[in-house]
């Protein structure tokens, strides 16, 4: 699998990355378009000194596998924050306040395929077919505070 991999010194294009396997309550998304943002540039400047992984958390893709069959085939965009789905914040729609949240992409989970929690594929993450990938990929950076 292909991806832009940061090795601690530089971003390098790799074609030998493993395809992630979704665990329970996750979906496998085939990424059709991904973008690099300033966060990725800051990582390469030392923002996350121990980070090694694939850059880019802005993406558009199609859900290929999911524990929720209704998500398969849906076109979705990336969501930077991934809450645990179990705490009081997540269960009351305040996932951005989850004390266990992960920042997707900064955790090294973006590539030609990625896995995301099914609860991150909420109806707001689905995008209409009329919106081109080249515009939909900006959903996350435009929505970020």
Protein backbone atom coordinates (compact mmCIF):
# COMPACT_ATOMS: atom_id res chain seq x y z
CA UNK A 1 0.00 0.00 0.00
CA UNK A 2 1.17 3.56 -0.71
CA UNK A 3 1.60 6.44 1.69
CA UNK A 4 3.69 9.48 2.59
CA UNK A 5 5.65 8.19 5.57
CA UNK A 6 7.49 10.44 8.02
CA UNK A 7 10.57 8.63 9.35
CA UNK A 8 11.57 11.25 11.90
CA UNK A 9 13.69 13.23 9.45
CA UNK A 10 11.76 13.51 6.19
CA UNK A 11 8.54 12.53 4.46
CA UNK A 12 9.21 9.67 2.04
CA UNK A 13 6.85 8.01 -0.42
CA UNK A 14 6.49 4.30 0.34
CA UNK A 15 4.69 1.52 -1.49
CA UNK A 16 5.25 -1.23 1.09
CA UNK A 17 2.89 -0.19 3.90
CA UNK A 18 0.51 -2.86 5.22
CA UNK A 19 -3.24 -2.50 4.67
CA UNK A 20 -4.78 -2.00 8.12
CA UNK A 21 -7.35 -4.49 9.34
CA UNK A 22 -10.39 -3.02 11.08
CA UNK A 23 -11.07 -4.27 14.58
CA UNK A 24 -14.49 -4.43 16.23
CA UNK A 25 -16.49 -1.24 15.74
CA UNK A 26 -14.17 0.05 13.00
CA UNK A 27 -14.57 0.58 9.28
CA UNK A 28 -11.97 0.17 6.56
CA UNK A 29 -11.93 3.18 4.24
CA UNK A 30 -10.27 3.19 0.80
CA UNK A 31 -8.94 6.72 0.43
CA UNK A 32 -9.56 8.31 -2.95
CA UNK A 33 -7.96 11.69 -2.15
CA UNK A 34 -5.88 12.87 0.81
CA UNK A 35 -4.36 16.23 1.67
CA UNK A 36 -1.46 17.47 3.73
CA UNK A 37 -2.04 20.42 6.07
CA UNK A 38 0.00 22.67 8.29
CA UNK A 39 -0.18 20.15 11.14
CA UNK A 40 1.81 17.72 8.98
CA UNK A 41 4.36 20.45 8.23
CA UNK A 42 4.65 21.20 11.95
CA UNK A 43 5.22 17.50 12.69
CA UNK A 44 8.11 17.55 10.23
CA UNK A 45 9.44 20.61 12.07
CA UNK A 46 9.39 18.80 15.43
CA UNK A 47 5.85 19.31 16.79
CA UNK A 48 5.61 15.59 17.67
CA UNK A 49 9.27 14.56 18.09
CA UNK A 50 8.53 10.85 18.53
CA UNK A 51 6.08 10.58 15.63
CA UNK A 52 6.83 8.05 12.92
CA UNK A 53 4.02 7.29 10.51
CA UNK A 54 1.88 8.24 7.56
CA UNK A 55 1.03 11.91 7.24
CA UNK A 56 -2.30 13.40 6.21
CA UNK A 57 -5.62 13.32 8.04
CA UNK A 58 -7.73 15.18 5.51
CA UNK A 59 -9.23 12.55 3.23
CA UNK A 60 -12.17 11.46 1.12
CA UNK A 61 -12.88 7.76 0.71
CA UNK A 62 -15.32 4.89 0.43
CA UNK A 63 -16.13 2.54 3.32
CA UNK A 64 -15.14 -0.93 2.10
CA UNK A 65 -15.64 -3.02 5.27
CA UNK A 66 -17.55 -2.25 8.43
CA UNK A 67 -19.17 -3.91 11.40
CA UNK A 68 -22.16 -1.72 10.46
CA UNK A 69 -23.28 -2.99 7.01
CA UNK A 70 -25.18 0.23 6.18
CA UNK A 71 -21.85 2.11 6.08
CA UNK A 72 -20.33 -0.08 3.34
CA UNK A 73 -20.19 1.83 0.07
CA UNK A 74 -20.72 5.22 1.74
CA UNK A 75 -18.48 8.09 0.68
CA UNK A 76 -17.00 9.79 3.75
CA UNK A 77 -14.55 12.50 4.74
CA UNK A 78 -11.96 12.44 7.49
CA UNK A 79 -12.57 13.50 11.06
CA UNK A 80 -9.47 14.56 12.96
CA UNK A 81 -10.64 13.65 16.46
CA UNK A 82 -11.56 10.09 17.31
CA UNK A 83 -13.14 9.63 20.72
CA UNK A 84 -13.40 6.34 22.59
CA UNK A 85 -17.17 6.08 22.01
CA UNK A 86 -17.76 4.87 25.57
CA UNK A 87 -17.21 7.80 27.97
CA UNK A 88 -19.84 10.32 29.08
CA UNK A 89 -18.54 12.89 26.60
CA UNK A 90 -18.78 10.52 23.64
CA UNK A 91 -22.17 9.16 24.65
CA UNK A 92 -23.60 12.68 24.91
CA UNK A 93 -22.30 13.91 21.54
CA UNK A 94 -19.27 15.74 22.91
CA UNK A 95 -16.60 13.46 21.49
CA UNK A 96 -14.16 16.39 21.03
CA UNK A 97 -13.90 16.54 24.84
CA UNK A 98 -13.12 12.82 25.27
CA UNK A 99 -10.12 12.45 27.56
CA UNK A 100 -9.00 9.39 25.57
CA UNK A 101 -9.44 10.91 22.09
CA UNK A 102 -6.84 10.35 19.44
CA UNK A 103 -5.88 12.74 16.69
CA UNK A 104 -6.20 10.71 13.51
CA UNK A 105 -3.27 11.24 11.18
CA UNK A 106 -1.04 12.32 14.04
CA UNK A 107 -1.42 8.75 15.25
CA UNK A 108 -0.08 7.58 11.89
CA UNK A 109 -3.30 6.10 10.54
CA UNK A 110 -3.70 7.74 7.13
CA UNK A 111 -2.68 6.04 3.91
CA UNK A 112 -4.28 4.48 0.83
CA UNK A 113 -6.51 2.64 3.30
CA UNK A 114 -7.33 3.61 6.87
CA UNK A 115 -9.51 2.41 9.70
CA UNK A 116 -11.89 4.64 11.64
CA UNK A 117 -14.31 3.92 14.44
CA UNK A 118 -17.82 3.31 13.11
CA UNK A 119 -19.21 6.03 15.39
CA UNK A 120 -16.96 8.52 13.52
CA UNK A 121 -18.91 7.71 10.33
CA UNK A 122 -21.90 9.67 11.55
CA UNK A 123 -24.32 11.05 8.95
CA UNK A 124 -22.44 14.37 9.04
CA UNK A 125 -19.31 12.58 7.76
CA UNK A 126 -21.13 11.28 4.66
CA UNK A 127 -20.78 13.47 1.61
CA UNK A 128 -23.04 13.80 -1.41
CA UNK A 129 -21.89 12.40 -4.75
CA UNK A 130 -22.38 15.86 -6.25
CA UNK A 131 -19.46 17.25 -4.20
CA UNK A 132 -16.13 16.53 -5.96
CA UNK A 133 -13.30 14.94 -3.94
CA UNK A 134 -11.18 18.03 -4.58
CA UNK A 135 -13.67 20.11 -2.59
CA UNK A 136 -14.78 17.50 -0.05
CA UNK A 137 -11.19 16.97 1.15
CA UNK A 138 -11.33 20.45 2.72
CA UNK A 139 -14.23 19.52 5.06
CA UNK A 140 -11.99 18.80 8.07
CA UNK A 141 -9.72 21.86 7.87
CA UNK A 142 -12.68 24.18 7.25
CA UNK A 143 -14.57 22.68 10.21
CA UNK A 144 -11.61 22.67 12.62
CA UNK A 145 -11.75 25.41 15.27
